[in-house]
Structure formats: structure tokens, C-alpha cells
């Protein structure tokens, strides 16, 4: 472990080859550092998070009669390997773009990677921020993981702060209630990304719980323009999906015909529409930002694609994920953009007027609330830098 002067360590999904996971990590780290608070991303990179992006993907298999995740999901591994084999060198180019972004903007390569959670006890940080992203969704983390609640022995630790934590929806399966109740009590200050999840959280947590914006909204548009990589093409419709949606595909096909624009689809894994669009399998977070910035229109059911459509002030429509639609609906409600949710047909008007000044006002108000929450819960000598 290298000598460390930072007092704040962030535990999140920075190690996942996912656009949103890495960009929210960047957003929180940059915001804190820009405010004069030395914060670092902790290189906690367990196999259940990194393995799903390997050439032969690894993810534990859930036992049928219990909450244990053991062994290897063979079907997932074989399906992923076949898809990666078909991509050929495109798979390795994507991995390279992901790694380049992570090493340039998120982590210090001199800091040792942590795989077993027991090694977290040696960390030097006094304050731990857990979140954002779906750190408390057991379907993402293959069961509830104590590390993402700050529940590990550490002599230096003074406080655990949950910033914009997410459970993926409004609640998690009741089979986790007892375990969740014990873990969440170890969090000293708690904020959620989705306001709709707060009633569920309050069933187990007696302290205050507030809703705060995803970290990508904290540093501002200019911070992301500095790190984006623009594509050579301009004037296109951008598609990014996290779940197959026939209505979305049909809408985009009709929009393409009406506007006379090509469709570019990006993916961070093997999920694509299979609708015959021009797919870029190699994009990393910097390319993701560039694609959104240069797009004429954005159509997606991804939370972070919608978030950056708002940040970059693009013409966009959102389709809701069947199990995680709460996240997209919540962010649109916060910004007064509920009409951007596509009801499932081509009658939606993607060209409808958006009052971006009003949207920016909503963003500034939420960022101010986030600053207040962090100021209240971080040490006095760094919190003062918010003033």
C-alpha cells in the first residue's frame, strides 16, 4: 500500500466495464477533489464484479434454495465467450478503452488492487463513502456485500457515508431483509439515489435518509467535455440499451426514416438490439460521452444515457427498464422531464420543446442539497472548502 494523504476513500463499482459505473465514479471523485477534499477511489475489485467482463465471463451462480452464490454460472460463461469470440479484436479494443479510462481518470496504478474484502482492514482512510450505483442490489453484487456498507474491521475508520446508494428499484427481495437490516445500521449517514426507495430503507434505518443526485450531475458539463472523445461521425441517432425492448427498436427505425438519419448503437457488453443498426462494440466511457455530445437524438432505457442526455441538453426519449425503471423515472421527475418517457409507441414527440433553463435550475438545486449533505458529514477541515 502506497503512502496516502487522502482522508476519504470511495467504495463503488469503478472496476466494472460499464459506462455509467465508471462515469459516476469519476463524477464523485472529481467533485470532491475540486472542492479541496483529497478523495480516492479504493481499488476494491472483487471477481464477482470484474469477472463478468472477462473473455470467458465469470459470475457466481445462485443456489436454488438459498441466498448463497457459489461456483460458476456455466451458461452465462459459455454464452458470453461465444459472443466475445464473434467480436474478434473488437472485444479487446473495448477492454483497452475501458482500461485506459480507468487508469487515466479513476485509479492510481501504484495502489495495490484489493480482491478479498478482508484486506480492506489495512486501508488508511478515516472517512468512507459507499456509493453511488447499485451497491445494495444483491442481484448485481451476487448477494449483499458487507464491504459496500463499510462493514469491515478498520482501525483508521471514523465514519461511513452512503452517497446516492441504490438498490436498483424500490425494494429488494424479502429474503434479504434480516441481513440488510443488520448491515445498514452500520452506515453513519445515508442518502439514496432514488427517492422511491426511501420508504423501504426507513423500515430498517432509524436515522435521516435523503435523496441526492447521481454523482454525474455534481461536477458540471464542462468536466465531462474535458474527458470526452468525439466520434468522427456527426448527425445520427444514438441508441444504447440495457434491456431488449421491441417498442424502442420500432420507434428508432421509424425515427430514422422520418429524419433521414443513420442509427449508431453502442454497447458496453453483449446486449444489443439486433435491429441492424451500426453497432460500436469498442466504446469506452470517453467515447460514450462523445457519442452523446454529437448525437442529434438519443433513445435509450439506460439511466446514465438519459442522465447525460440531460447534462448535454440533447433531444431524447427514455424507455423504461421493466425491473429498474424507477431510476429513470426518478431522474426525469427531478428535472421536470416526465414527458420524455416514451409510452411505447411512435406517437411520442422527441422534438417537443424542453425548457433547459428550468432543467438547469433543478440540477443546481439538487447539487446544492448534495453539497450540504457532504458538508455535514465530512470532516471539518475539508467540509469548510464547500463555503
Protein backbone atom coordinates (compact mmCIF):
# COMPACT_ATOMS: atom_id res chain seq x y z
CA UNK A 1 0.00 0.00 0.00
CA UNK A 2 1.50 3.34 -1.00
CA UNK A 3 1.79 6.23 1.42
CA UNK A 4 -1.50 8.09 1.44
CA UNK A 5 -2.54 11.63 2.36
CA UNK A 6 -6.21 11.31 1.47
CA UNK A 7 -8.70 11.12 4.30
CA UNK A 8 -11.62 10.00 2.13
CA UNK A 9 -11.89 6.67 0.34
CA UNK A 10 -14.70 5.84 -2.11
CA UNK A 11 -16.04 2.29 -2.43
CA UNK A 12 -18.04 1.84 -5.60
CA UNK A 13 -18.15 -0.02 -8.95
CA UNK A 14 -15.23 1.74 -10.65
CA UNK A 15 -13.85 -1.68 -11.71
CA UNK A 16 -16.88 -2.57 -13.82
CA UNK A 17 -16.53 -2.16 -17.61
CA UNK A 18 -19.71 -0.15 -17.70
CA UNK A 19 -20.13 3.43 -18.91
CA UNK A 20 -22.29 4.59 -16.02
CA UNK A 21 -20.30 2.81 -13.32
CA UNK A 22 -17.06 4.48 -14.33
CA UNK A 23 -18.52 7.90 -15.07
CA UNK A 24 -20.32 8.15 -11.73
CA UNK A 25 -17.04 7.15 -10.07
CA UNK A 26 -15.28 9.94 -11.96
CA UNK A 27 -18.03 12.44 -11.13
CA UNK A 28 -17.86 11.91 -7.36
CA UNK A 29 -14.07 11.80 -7.19
CA UNK A 30 -13.65 14.95 -9.29
CA UNK A 31 -16.32 16.86 -7.38
CA UNK A 32 -14.71 16.13 -4.03
CA UNK A 33 -11.20 16.87 -5.25
CA UNK A 34 -12.30 20.11 -6.93
CA UNK A 35 -13.74 21.18 -3.58
CA UNK A 36 -10.37 20.73 -1.96
CA UNK A 37 -11.10 17.36 -0.36
CA UNK A 38 -8.49 14.67 -1.06
CA UNK A 39 -10.62 11.69 -2.06
CA UNK A 40 -9.54 8.49 -3.79
CA UNK A 41 -11.28 5.50 -5.30
CA UNK A 42 -10.46 2.37 -3.34
CA UNK A 43 -9.23 -0.38 -5.64
CA UNK A 44 -11.64 -2.97 -4.28
CA UNK A 45 -12.03 -5.13 -7.38
CA UNK A 46 -13.67 -8.45 -6.46
CA UNK A 47 -14.04 -11.18 -9.05
CA UNK A 48 -17.84 -11.12 -8.85
CA UNK A 49 -17.66 -7.60 -10.34
CA UNK A 50 -14.67 -7.83 -12.70
CA UNK A 51 -15.23 -11.40 -13.87
CA UNK A 52 -18.35 -10.67 -15.90
CA UNK A 53 -16.20 -8.67 -18.34
CA UNK A 54 -13.58 -11.37 -18.95
CA UNK A 55 -13.26 -13.12 -22.30
CA UNK A 56 -14.80 -16.16 -20.63
CA UNK A 57 -17.20 -14.28 -18.35
CA UNK A 58 -17.36 -15.32 -14.73
CA UNK A 59 -20.26 -14.71 -12.40
CA UNK A 60 -21.27 -16.86 -9.41
CA UNK A 61 -24.39 -18.99 -9.71
CA UNK A 62 -27.17 -18.57 -7.19
CA UNK A 63 -28.29 -21.71 -5.42
CA UNK A 64 -31.94 -22.55 -5.93
CA UNK A 65 -32.76 -23.00 -2.26
CA UNK A 66 -30.92 -20.17 -0.57
CA UNK A 67 -29.09 -16.86 -0.88
CA UNK A 68 -25.62 -18.31 -1.45
CA UNK A 69 -23.82 -17.53 -4.72
CA UNK A 70 -21.25 -20.25 -5.36
CA UNK A 71 -19.46 -21.82 -8.28
CA UNK A 72 -19.59 -20.58 -11.83
CA UNK A 73 -22.64 -19.87 -13.97
CA UNK A 74 -21.67 -22.11 -16.88
CA UNK A 75 -24.46 -20.97 -19.17
CA UNK A 76 -23.51 -17.33 -18.68
CA UNK A 77 -19.84 -18.13 -19.30
CA UNK A 78 -20.42 -20.10 -22.49
CA UNK A 79 -22.86 -17.58 -23.93
CA UNK A 80 -20.53 -14.69 -23.18
CA UNK A 81 -17.50 -16.49 -24.60
CA UNK A 82 -19.34 -17.23 -27.84
CA UNK A 83 -20.38 -13.59 -28.21
CA UNK A 84 -16.85 -12.36 -27.46
CA UNK A 85 -15.38 -14.83 -29.94
CA UNK A 86 -17.65 -13.46 -32.66
CA UNK A 87 -16.41 -9.92 -31.98
CA UNK A 88 -12.79 -10.91 -32.52
CA UNK A 89 -10.42 -7.99 -31.95
CA UNK A 90 -13.33 -5.64 -31.19
CA UNK A 91 -13.62 -7.26 -27.76
CA UNK A 92 -10.01 -6.42 -26.91
CA UNK A 93 -10.32 -2.87 -28.25
CA UNK A 94 -13.28 -2.27 -25.95
CA UNK A 95 -11.37 -3.68 -22.98
CA UNK A 96 -8.44 -1.41 -23.85
CA UNK A 97 -10.68 1.69 -23.97
CA UNK A 98 -12.20 0.78 -20.62
CA UNK A 99 -8.81 0.17 -19.04
CA UNK A 100 -7.34 3.37 -20.48
CA UNK A 101 -10.12 5.48 -18.98
CA UNK A 102 -9.90 3.76 -15.61
CA UNK A 103 -6.14 4.16 -15.34
CA UNK A 104 -6.13 7.75 -16.59
CA UNK A 105 -9.01 9.20 -14.58
CA UNK A 106 -10.02 6.87 -11.75
CA UNK A 107 -7.22 4.93 -10.07
CA UNK A 108 -3.57 5.14 -9.21
CA UNK A 109 -1.87 2.07 -10.69
CA UNK A 110 0.69 2.25 -7.90
CA UNK A 111 -2.05 1.42 -5.42
CA UNK A 112 -2.43 -2.29 -4.87
CA UNK A 113 -5.61 -3.97 -6.09
CA UNK A 114 -7.83 -5.45 -3.37
CA UNK A 115 -9.74 -8.62 -4.19
CA UNK A 116 -10.55 -10.33 -0.87
CA UNK A 117 -12.56 -7.94 1.31
CA UNK A 118 -10.56 -8.89 4.41
CA UNK A 119 -7.72 -6.70 3.14
CA UNK A 120 -9.89 -3.62 3.49
CA UNK A 121 -8.90 -3.52 7.15
CA UNK A 122 -5.46 -2.23 6.15
CA UNK A 123 -6.77 0.88 4.38
CA UNK A 124 -5.61 4.25 5.77
CA UNK A 125 -8.76 6.31 5.17
CA UNK A 126 -10.72 7.89 8.01
CA UNK A 127 -13.92 8.54 6.04
CA UNK A 128 -15.51 6.06 3.66
CA UNK A 129 -18.08 7.00 1.03
CA UNK A 130 -20.00 3.99 -0.27
CA UNK A 131 -21.92 4.51 -3.49
CA UNK A 132 -23.26 5.58 -5.86
CA UNK A 133 -24.57 2.92 -8.24
CA UNK A 134 -26.46 -0.23 -7.27
CA UNK A 135 -24.14 -1.15 -4.41
CA UNK A 136 -27.05 -2.59 -2.37
CA UNK A 137 -28.69 -4.60 -5.14
CA UNK A 138 -27.95 -8.29 -4.37
CA UNK A 139 -28.67 -9.27 -7.97
CA UNK A 140 -25.77 -7.06 -9.09
CA UNK A 141 -23.32 -7.89 -6.29
CA UNK A 142 -24.26 -11.58 -6.13
CA UNK A 143 -25.72 -11.26 -2.66
CA UNK A 144 -25.38 -8.38 -0.20
CA UNK A 145 -21.74 -7.49 0.30
CA UNK A 146 -20.60 -6.11 3.65
CA UNK A 147 -17.84 -4.06 2.03
CA UNK A 148 -20.37 -1.78 0.34
CA UNK A 149 -21.87 -0.98 3.75
CA UNK A 150 -18.47 -0.15 5.20
CA UNK A 151 -18.87 -3.25 7.40
CA UNK A 152 -15.25 -4.31 7.77
CA UNK A 153 -12.68 -4.02 10.54
CA UNK A 154 -10.51 -0.94 10.14
CA UNK A 155 -8.65 0.96 12.87
CA UNK A 156 -8.50 4.23 10.91
CA UNK A 157 -12.21 4.44 10.06
CA UNK A 158 -14.20 7.21 11.74
CA UNK A 159 -17.33 7.36 9.61
CA UNK A 160 -19.19 5.60 6.77
CA UNK A 161 -21.26 7.78 4.46
CA UNK A 162 -23.62 6.38 1.83
CA UNK A 163 -23.83 8.81 -1.09
CA UNK A 164 -26.58 8.21 -3.67
CA UNK A 165 -26.70 4.50 -2.87
CA UNK A 166 -29.11 2.44 -4.96
CA UNK A 167 -30.93 -0.85 -4.52
CA UNK A 168 -31.93 -0.88 -8.19
CA UNK A 169 -35.65 -0.31 -7.56
CA UNK A 170 -37.99 0.44 -4.69
CA UNK A 171 -37.05 -2.59 -2.57
CA UNK A 172 -35.06 -5.82 -2.60
CA UNK A 173 -36.30 -9.38 -2.10
CA UNK A 174 -37.67 -10.04 1.38
CA UNK A 175 -35.27 -12.96 1.84
CA UNK A 176 -32.53 -10.36 2.38
CA UNK A 177 -34.40 -8.31 5.00
CA UNK A 178 -32.64 -9.65 8.07
CA UNK A 179 -29.18 -9.35 6.56
CA UNK A 180 -29.90 -5.92 5.09
CA UNK A 181 -31.23 -4.67 8.43
CA UNK A 182 -28.01 -5.63 10.21
CA UNK A 183 -25.70 -4.14 7.59
CA UNK A 184 -27.42 -0.83 7.02
CA UNK A 185 -27.30 0.02 10.72
CA UNK A 186 -23.52 0.28 10.35
CA UNK A 187 -23.85 3.26 7.97
CA UNK A 188 -23.42 6.59 9.80
CA UNK A 189 -25.00 8.92 7.23
CA UNK A 190 -27.32 7.78 4.47
CA UNK A 191 -28.51 9.23 1.17
CA UNK A 192 -30.20 7.41 -1.69
CA UNK A 193 -30.21 7.99 -5.42
CA UNK A 194 -33.88 7.06 -5.85
CA UNK A 195 -36.40 8.80 -3.63
CA UNK A 196 -38.90 5.99 -4.24
CA UNK A 197 -36.59 3.59 -2.35
CA UNK A 198 -36.52 5.67 0.85
CA UNK A 199 -39.68 4.17 2.42
CA UNK A 200 -38.12 0.71 2.12
CA UNK A 201 -34.84 1.91 3.63
CA UNK A 202 -36.63 3.52 6.57
CA UNK A 203 -38.04 0.14 7.53
CA UNK A 204 -34.52 -0.76 8.66
CA UNK A 205 -32.76 2.55 9.32
CA UNK A 206 -33.70 4.92 12.14
CA UNK A 207 -31.58 7.89 11.05
CA UNK A 208 -32.32 10.52 8.42
CA UNK A 209 -32.44 9.42 4.78
CA UNK A 210 -32.47 11.88 1.90
CA UNK A 211 -32.42 11.65 -1.90
CA UNK A 212 -29.41 13.14 -3.70
CA UNK A 213 -28.44 13.26 -7.38
CA UNK A 214 -26.23 10.75 -9.12
CA UNK A 215 -22.60 11.90 -8.99
CA UNK A 216 -22.52 12.58 -12.74
CA UNK A 217 -24.57 15.71 -12.05
CA UNK A 218 -22.12 17.10 -9.49
CA UNK A 219 -19.07 18.39 -11.41
CA UNK A 220 -20.94 20.01 -14.33
CA UNK A 221 -20.95 19.57 -18.11
CA UNK A 222 -17.52 21.12 -18.67
CA UNK A 223 -15.87 18.46 -16.51
CA UNK A 224 -17.10 15.76 -18.88
CA UNK A 225 -16.38 17.68 -22.06
CA UNK A 226 -12.75 17.76 -20.96
CA UNK A 227 -12.51 13.96 -21.00
CA UNK A 228 -14.83 13.01 -23.88
CA UNK A 229 -13.63 11.57 -27.16
CA UNK A 230 -15.81 12.67 -30.03
CA UNK A 231 -16.59 10.30 -32.90
CA UNK A 232 -15.65 11.10 -36.46
CA UNK A 233 -19.32 10.99 -37.47
CA UNK A 234 -21.96 13.59 -36.70
CA UNK A 235 -25.69 13.83 -37.32
CA UNK A 236 -27.02 10.47 -36.13
CA UNK A 237 -29.50 8.88 -33.75
CA UNK A 238 -27.78 7.24 -30.78
CA UNK A 239 -29.15 4.08 -29.19
CA UNK A 240 -27.94 2.38 -26.02
CA UNK A 241 -29.93 -0.36 -24.31
CA UNK A 242 -29.60 -2.22 -21.02
CA UNK A 243 -32.57 -4.47 -21.79
CA UNK A 244 -34.08 -5.56 -25.10
CA UNK A 245 -37.16 -3.54 -26.00
CA UNK A 246 -39.12 -4.11 -29.20
CA UNK A 247 -41.03 -0.82 -28.89
CA UNK A 248 -37.74 1.08 -28.63
CA UNK A 249 -36.38 -0.60 -31.77
CA UNK A 250 -39.52 0.09 -33.77
CA UNK A 251 -39.57 3.71 -32.65
CA UNK A 252 -35.93 4.28 -33.61
CA UNK A 253 -36.42 2.65 -37.01
CA UNK A 254 -39.36 4.95 -37.74
CA UNK A 255 -37.47 8.00 -36.44
CA UNK A 256 -34.52 7.15 -38.68
CA UNK A 257 -36.77 7.02 -41.72
CA UNK A 258 -38.53 10.27 -40.84
CA UNK A 259 -35.35 12.23 -40.15
CA UNK A 260 -33.13 10.61 -42.77
CA UNK A 261 -30.51 9.91 -40.11
CA UNK A 262 -28.35 6.86 -39.54
CA UNK A 263 -28.54 4.99 -36.26
CA UNK A 264 -25.46 4.28 -34.17
CA UNK A 265 -25.76 1.79 -31.34
CA UNK A 266 -23.17 1.49 -28.59
CA UNK A 267 -22.81 -1.31 -26.09
CA UNK A 268 -20.66 -2.00 -23.05
CA UNK A 269 -21.17 -5.75 -23.17
CA UNK A 270 -23.11 -8.17 -25.34
CA UNK A 271 -26.53 -6.53 -25.07
CA UNK A 272 -27.65 -5.11 -28.43
CA UNK A 273 -30.97 -4.51 -30.16
CA UNK A 274 -30.05 -6.85 -33.05
CA UNK A 275 -32.07 -4.45 -35.19
CA UNK A 276 -29.42 -3.95 -37.84
CA UNK A 277 -28.11 -0.64 -36.54
CA UNK A 278 -24.45 0.35 -36.90
CA UNK A 279 -23.02 -1.03 -33.65
CA UNK A 280 -19.82 0.18 -31.99
CA UNK A 281 -18.57 -2.63 -29.75
CA UNK A 282 -15.37 -0.80 -28.80
CA UNK A 283 -16.56 2.33 -26.97
CA UNK A 284 -15.28 3.19 -23.52
CA UNK A 285 -16.61 5.94 -21.21
CA UNK A 286 -14.82 8.73 -23.10
CA UNK A 287 -16.31 7.53 -26.40
CA UNK A 288 -19.73 7.17 -24.73
CA UNK A 289 -19.65 10.85 -23.78
CA UNK A 290 -18.55 11.86 -27.27
CA UNK A 291 -21.31 9.88 -28.92
CA UNK A 292 -23.96 11.56 -26.78
CA UNK A 293 -22.49 15.02 -27.32
CA UNK A 294 -22.52 14.71 -31.12
CA UNK A 295 -25.88 12.93 -31.47
CA UNK A 296 -28.91 14.62 -32.99
CA UNK A 297 -31.19 12.37 -30.94
CA UNK A 298 -30.70 9.88 -28.09
CA UNK A 299 -33.08 6.98 -27.41
CA UNK A 300 -32.32 4.67 -24.51
CA UNK A 301 -33.54 2.75 -21.47
CA UNK A 302 -30.23 3.32 -19.67
CA UNK A 303 -30.17 5.54 -16.59
CA UNK A 304 -26.82 7.10 -17.41
CA UNK A 305 -27.58 7.59 -21.11
CA UNK A 306 -30.63 9.59 -20.01
CA UNK A 307 -28.59 11.42 -17.36
CA UNK A 308 -26.01 12.55 -19.89
CA UNK A 309 -28.71 13.46 -22.40
CA UNK A 310 -29.89 15.91 -19.75
CA UNK A 311 -26.37 17.12 -18.97
CA UNK A 312 -25.58 17.66 -22.67
CA UNK A 313 -29.09 19.02 -23.35
CA UNK A 314 -29.93 16.62 -26.17
CA UNK A 315 -33.25 15.78 -27.76
CA UNK A 316 -34.04 12.40 -26.23
CA UNK A 317 -36.66 9.86 -25.27
CA UNK A 318 -36.49 7.35 -22.44
CA UNK A 319 -37.94 3.85 -22.43
CA UNK A 320 -38.33 2.25 -19.01
CA UNK A 321 -36.47 -0.89 -17.96
CA UNK A 322 -39.00 -3.50 -16.79
CA UNK A 323 -37.38 -4.01 -13.37
CA UNK A 324 -35.21 -0.91 -12.93
CA UNK A 325 -37.40 1.76 -14.49
CA UNK A 326 -37.68 3.55 -11.14
CA UNK A 327 -34.25 5.04 -11.63
CA UNK A 328 -35.03 6.66 -14.98
CA UNK A 329 -38.48 7.81 -13.90
CA UNK A 330 -37.00 9.38 -10.76
CA UNK A 331 -34.35 11.39 -12.57
CA UNK A 332 -36.84 12.67 -15.10
CA UNK A 333 -39.25 13.74 -12.34
CA UNK A 334 -36.45 15.61 -10.56
CA UNK A 335 -35.77 17.64 -13.70
CA UNK A 336 -39.40 18.15 -14.72
CA UNK A 337 -38.98 15.94 -17.77
CA UNK A 338 -41.60 13.25 -17.21
CA UNK A 339 -42.90 13.83 -20.74
CA UNK A 340 -39.66 12.37 -22.10
CA UNK A 341 -40.82 8.88 -21.10
CA UNK A 342 -41.98 7.09 -24.22
CA UNK A 343 -45.32 5.34 -23.60
CA UNK A 344 -44.38 2.57 -26.00
CA UNK A 345 -45.24 3.81 -29.43
CA UNK A 346 -44.17 6.11 -32.24
CA UNK A 347 -46.67 8.77 -31.09
CA UNK A 348 -44.04 10.19 -28.71
CA UNK A 349 -42.63 13.56 -29.84
CA UNK A 350 -38.85 13.60 -29.44
CA UNK A 351 -38.77 17.14 -30.84
CA UNK A 352 -41.05 18.51 -28.11
CA UNK A 353 -39.73 21.72 -26.54
CA UNK A 354 -37.55 21.41 -23.43
CA UNK A 355 -37.01 24.41 -21.16
CA UNK A 356 -33.33 23.82 -20.47
CA UNK A 357 -33.03 26.84 -18.19
CA UNK A 358 -35.63 25.31 -15.90
CA UNK A 359 -33.88 21.95 -16.09
CA UNK A 360 -30.56 23.51 -15.10
CA UNK A 361 -32.25 25.20 -12.15
CA UNK A 362 -33.49 21.82 -10.92
CA UNK A 363 -29.97 20.42 -11.30
CA UNK A 364 -28.38 23.27 -9.36
CA UNK A 365 -30.88 22.88 -6.53
CA UNK A 366 -30.17 19.17 -6.19
CA UNK A 367 -26.41 19.67 -6.36
CA UNK A 368 -26.70 22.26 -3.59
CA UNK A 369 -28.53 19.69 -1.45
CA UNK A 370 -25.79 17.17 -2.18
CA UNK A 371 -23.12 19.67 -1.11
CA UNK A 372 -24.99 20.31 2.11
CA UNK A 373 -25.18 16.58 2.87
CA UNK A 374 -21.47 16.09 2.23
CA UNK A 375 -20.51 19.22 4.18
CA UNK A 376 -22.46 17.99 7.16
CA UNK A 377 -20.87 14.56 7.19
CA UNK A 378 -17.27 15.09 6.14
CA UNK A 379 -14.51 16.31 8.47
CA UNK A 380 -14.49 19.97 9.38
CA UNK A 381 -11.17 20.91 7.79
CA UNK A 382 -12.31 19.63 4.39
CA UNK A 383 -16.03 20.40 4.64
CA UNK A 384 -15.13 24.08 5.08
CA UNK A 385 -13.93 24.12 1.48
CA UNK A 386 -17.53 23.98 0.32
CA UNK A 387 -18.09 27.51 1.57
